[in-house]
Amino acid sequence: MRKQFRVRDMVLSMAVMGLVVAVWFFAVPRSSNNGGPPAVTYQDAVSSARRAAPYPLMAPAATPAGWKATSVSYSAKGTDAGDGGDGGDGGDTAFAPTWHLGFYLSGSREYAAVEQGGGNAAKFAKSRTQGGRAGGSVDVSGVSWTKWTGGKHGYRGLVRAVPHGTTAVVGTASWSDLEKLATALKE
C-alpha cells in the first residue's frame, strides 16, 4: 500500500508542476518582432538634425511597408569609428557632420540606411559601402545616383552629391529596395 501512495504522490506532483509551467508559458509576454531588431522612432531626430545640418538632410516622409527604423543618429562632430573602411586616417570625423538612419526590411531580413556627411565624397561613399567601388549610374525618380558595389558583407549603395555634402543609400538590401528608399527620401 505504501508504494502506491508514493507513485500517486509523484503523479500529483508532476501534474501540479505541469500546471505551473503551462500558466507561466501562457502568461509571460513574447516579443512580436520576429527576431528582428527593435524599432526606433526617428521623426524627432529628423526635425532636430534638419535645423543643425549644413546640407539638405534626407529622410523618408513615410517608412515603406515591411520596413522598420532600427537606428538613428546625427553628430556634428562625426563619429570616431576608426578609418571607416576607407583606408584613410581621418575616421568618420573627416565627414562631419554625419547623419544615419537605418532600416530593417522584415520581408527579406536585409538592411538599408540613409547616410549623409561632409568632406570628400568618394571617401565617404567608400566608407559607407564598406569598401565598395563606383560602377555606373542609375536614374531614380529623375535623380542620377552613382552605384557602388563590392563592399564587405554584400554592402552596396547609391550615392549622390548634395550641396555641402554627400547622400548615400546603402546596405545589404537589393538594388530595388535601395532605389525604393532613395525614392522615399525628402528634404
Protein backbone atom coordinates (compact mmCIF):
# COMPACT_ATOMS: atom_id res chain seq x y z
CA MET A 1 0.00 0.00 0.00
CA ARG A 2 2.85 2.37 0.77
CA LYS A 3 4.30 2.01 -2.79
CA GLN A 4 1.02 3.03 -4.44
CA PHE A 5 0.85 6.09 -2.23
CA ARG A 6 4.35 7.17 -3.38
CA VAL A 7 3.51 6.72 -7.06
CA ARG A 8 0.26 8.63 -6.64
CA ASP A 9 2.11 11.48 -4.87
CA MET A 10 4.69 11.61 -7.64
CA VAL A 11 2.00 11.77 -10.34
CA LEU A 12 0.16 14.53 -8.47
CA SER A 13 3.39 16.50 -8.00
CA MET A 14 4.17 16.22 -11.70
CA ALA A 15 0.65 17.37 -12.59
CA VAL A 16 1.00 20.42 -10.33
CA MET A 17 4.40 21.25 -11.86
CA GLY A 18 2.97 20.85 -15.37
CA LEU A 19 0.16 23.23 -14.47
CA VAL A 20 2.67 25.80 -13.13
CA VAL A 21 4.75 25.55 -16.32
CA ALA A 22 1.65 25.89 -18.53
CA VAL A 23 0.50 29.00 -16.64
CA TRP A 24 4.00 30.52 -16.92
CA PHE A 25 4.20 29.68 -20.64
CA PHE A 26 0.93 31.42 -21.48
CA ALA A 27 1.29 34.33 -19.02
CA VAL A 28 4.77 35.58 -20.00
CA PRO A 29 4.61 38.13 -22.86
CA ARG A 30 6.51 37.30 -26.01
CA SER A 31 8.34 39.61 -28.39
CA SER A 32 6.49 40.21 -31.65
CA ASN A 33 9.48 41.44 -33.66
CA ASN A 34 10.06 38.05 -35.32
CA GLY A 35 13.73 38.04 -34.45
CA GLY A 36 14.44 41.44 -35.94
CA PRO A 37 15.98 44.32 -34.07
CA PRO A 38 13.75 46.62 -32.02
CA ALA A 39 12.18 49.60 -33.77
CA VAL A 40 13.03 53.23 -33.02
CA THR A 41 11.14 56.43 -33.77
CA TYR A 42 13.12 58.86 -35.87
CA GLN A 43 10.83 61.80 -36.64
CA ASP A 44 12.03 63.96 -33.71
CA ALA A 45 15.67 63.27 -34.60
CA VAL A 46 14.97 64.30 -38.20
CA SER A 47 13.48 67.62 -37.07
CA SER A 48 16.42 68.40 -34.79
CA ALA A 49 19.08 67.32 -37.29
CA ARG A 50 17.49 69.35 -40.11
CA ARG A 51 17.95 72.52 -38.07
CA ALA A 52 21.64 71.76 -37.49
CA ALA A 53 22.81 70.10 -40.72
CA PRO A 54 24.70 72.21 -43.29
CA TYR A 55 23.34 70.01 -46.10
CA PRO A 56 19.73 69.19 -47.02
CA LEU A 57 19.06 66.36 -44.54
CA MET A 58 17.22 63.45 -46.14
CA ALA A 59 14.73 61.05 -44.57
CA PRO A 60 11.69 59.18 -45.87
CA ALA A 61 8.41 61.00 -45.30
CA ALA A 62 6.86 57.59 -44.64
CA THR A 63 8.51 54.26 -43.92
CA PRO A 64 7.95 51.75 -46.75
CA ALA A 65 5.66 48.84 -45.83
CA GLY A 66 7.51 46.00 -44.10
CA TRP A 67 10.41 48.23 -43.06
CA LYS A 68 11.18 49.43 -39.56
CA ALA A 69 13.63 52.07 -38.43
CA THR A 70 16.23 50.50 -36.14
CA SER A 71 18.88 53.19 -35.70
CA VAL A 72 19.15 56.95 -35.98
CA SER A 73 21.94 59.40 -35.19
CA TYR A 74 23.22 62.85 -36.03
CA SER A 75 26.63 64.03 -34.92
CA ALA A 76 28.01 67.49 -35.52
CA LYS A 77 31.50 66.15 -34.82
CA GLY A 78 31.08 62.89 -36.71
CA THR A 79 31.50 59.50 -35.09
CA ASP A 80 35.01 58.34 -34.37
CA ALA A 81 34.77 54.83 -35.81
CA GLY A 82 38.33 54.26 -36.92
CA ASP A 83 39.15 54.68 -40.57
CA GLY A 84 35.56 54.00 -41.64
CA GLY A 85 36.79 51.37 -44.08
CA ASP A 86 38.19 53.96 -46.45
CA GLY A 87 41.83 53.24 -45.66
CA GLY A 88 42.42 56.83 -44.61
CA ASP A 89 43.36 58.04 -41.19
CA GLY A 90 40.64 60.62 -40.66
CA GLY A 91 37.90 58.33 -39.40
CA ASP A 92 34.30 59.44 -39.60
CA THR A 93 35.27 62.77 -38.05
CA ALA A 94 36.60 63.69 -41.51
CA PHE A 95 32.98 63.52 -42.75
CA ALA A 96 31.42 65.66 -40.00
CA PRO A 97 28.66 66.33 -39.54
CA THR A 98 27.16 62.87 -40.11
CA TRP A 99 23.56 61.64 -40.36
CA HIS A 100 22.47 58.00 -40.18
CA LEU A 101 19.02 56.41 -40.40
CA GLY A 102 18.94 52.61 -40.60
CA PHE A 103 16.11 50.24 -41.53
CA TYR A 104 15.46 46.52 -41.14
CA LEU A 105 13.48 45.01 -44.02
CA SER A 106 11.39 42.27 -42.41
CA GLY A 107 10.43 40.52 -45.66
CA SER A 108 13.98 39.94 -46.89
CA ARG A 109 15.70 40.29 -43.47
CA GLU A 110 18.15 42.76 -45.01
CA TYR A 111 19.38 46.20 -44.01
CA ALA A 112 19.25 49.60 -45.68
CA ALA A 113 20.31 53.01 -44.42
CA VAL A 114 20.47 56.66 -45.36
CA GLU A 115 23.94 58.08 -44.64
CA GLN A 116 24.95 61.70 -45.10
CA GLY A 117 28.16 63.54 -44.40
CA GLY A 118 30.52 66.26 -45.45
CA GLY A 119 34.12 66.02 -46.65
CA ASN A 120 35.47 64.06 -49.59
CA ALA A 121 32.51 62.44 -51.42
CA ALA A 122 34.45 59.44 -52.79
CA LYS A 123 35.97 58.60 -49.40
CA PHE A 124 32.59 59.00 -47.73
CA ALA A 125 30.95 56.66 -50.28
CA LYS A 126 33.73 54.10 -49.91
CA SER A 127 33.43 54.13 -46.13
CA ARG A 128 29.63 53.79 -46.15
CA THR A 129 29.62 50.95 -48.69
CA GLN A 130 32.19 49.06 -46.59
CA GLY A 131 34.97 49.46 -49.15
CA GLY A 132 32.86 49.40 -52.31
CA ARG A 133 33.79 50.88 -55.70
CA ALA A 134 31.89 53.22 -58.01
CA GLY A 135 30.44 51.49 -61.05
CA GLY A 136 27.86 53.12 -63.25
CA SER A 137 24.84 55.20 -62.51
CA VAL A 138 21.10 54.81 -62.23
CA ASP A 139 18.22 57.24 -62.52
CA VAL A 140 15.87 57.12 -59.51
CA SER A 141 12.77 59.31 -59.85
CA GLY A 142 14.58 61.74 -62.14
CA VAL A 143 17.72 61.97 -59.97
CA SER A 144 21.05 60.45 -61.02
CA TRP A 145 22.77 58.27 -58.40
CA THR A 146 26.17 56.54 -58.68
CA LYS A 147 26.10 52.81 -57.94
CA TRP A 148 28.75 51.49 -55.51
CA THR A 149 29.32 47.73 -55.36
CA GLY A 150 31.70 45.15 -53.95
CA GLY A 151 31.63 46.20 -50.31
CA LYS A 152 32.29 43.84 -47.42
CA HIS A 153 29.40 41.65 -46.30
CA GLY A 154 27.48 42.32 -49.53
CA TYR A 155 27.20 46.06 -48.98
CA ARG A 156 26.24 48.21 -51.95
CA GLY A 157 24.95 51.71 -52.32
CA LEU A 158 23.52 54.58 -54.30
CA VAL A 159 25.47 57.80 -53.80
CA ARG A 160 24.98 61.39 -54.94
CA ALA A 161 26.42 64.77 -54.10
CA VAL A 162 24.17 67.32 -52.40
CA PRO A 163 25.02 70.93 -51.53
CA HIS A 164 27.68 70.85 -48.77
CA GLY A 165 27.72 67.05 -48.52
CA THR A 166 27.06 63.58 -49.84
CA THR A 167 23.99 61.35 -49.54
CA ALA A 168 24.34 57.57 -49.64
CA VAL A 169 21.61 54.93 -49.54
CA VAL A 170 23.48 51.79 -48.54
CA GLY A 171 23.10 48.32 -47.13
CA THR A 172 22.70 44.64 -47.93
CA ALA A 173 19.22 45.19 -49.37
CA SER A 174 18.51 44.56 -53.05
CA TRP A 175 19.04 47.30 -55.62
CA SER A 176 15.27 47.68 -55.96
CA ASP A 177 14.91 48.17 -52.19
CA LEU A 178 17.72 50.73 -52.15
CA GLU A 179 16.00 52.54 -55.02
CA LYS A 180 12.70 52.41 -53.11
CA LEU A 181 14.39 54.10 -50.12
CA ALA A 182 16.08 56.69 -52.37
CA THR A 183 12.70 57.48 -53.92
CA ALA A 184 11.10 57.94 -50.48
CA LEU A 185 13.71 60.48 -49.32
CA LYS A 186 12.53 64.02 -48.74
CA GLU A 187 14.29 67.17 -47.56
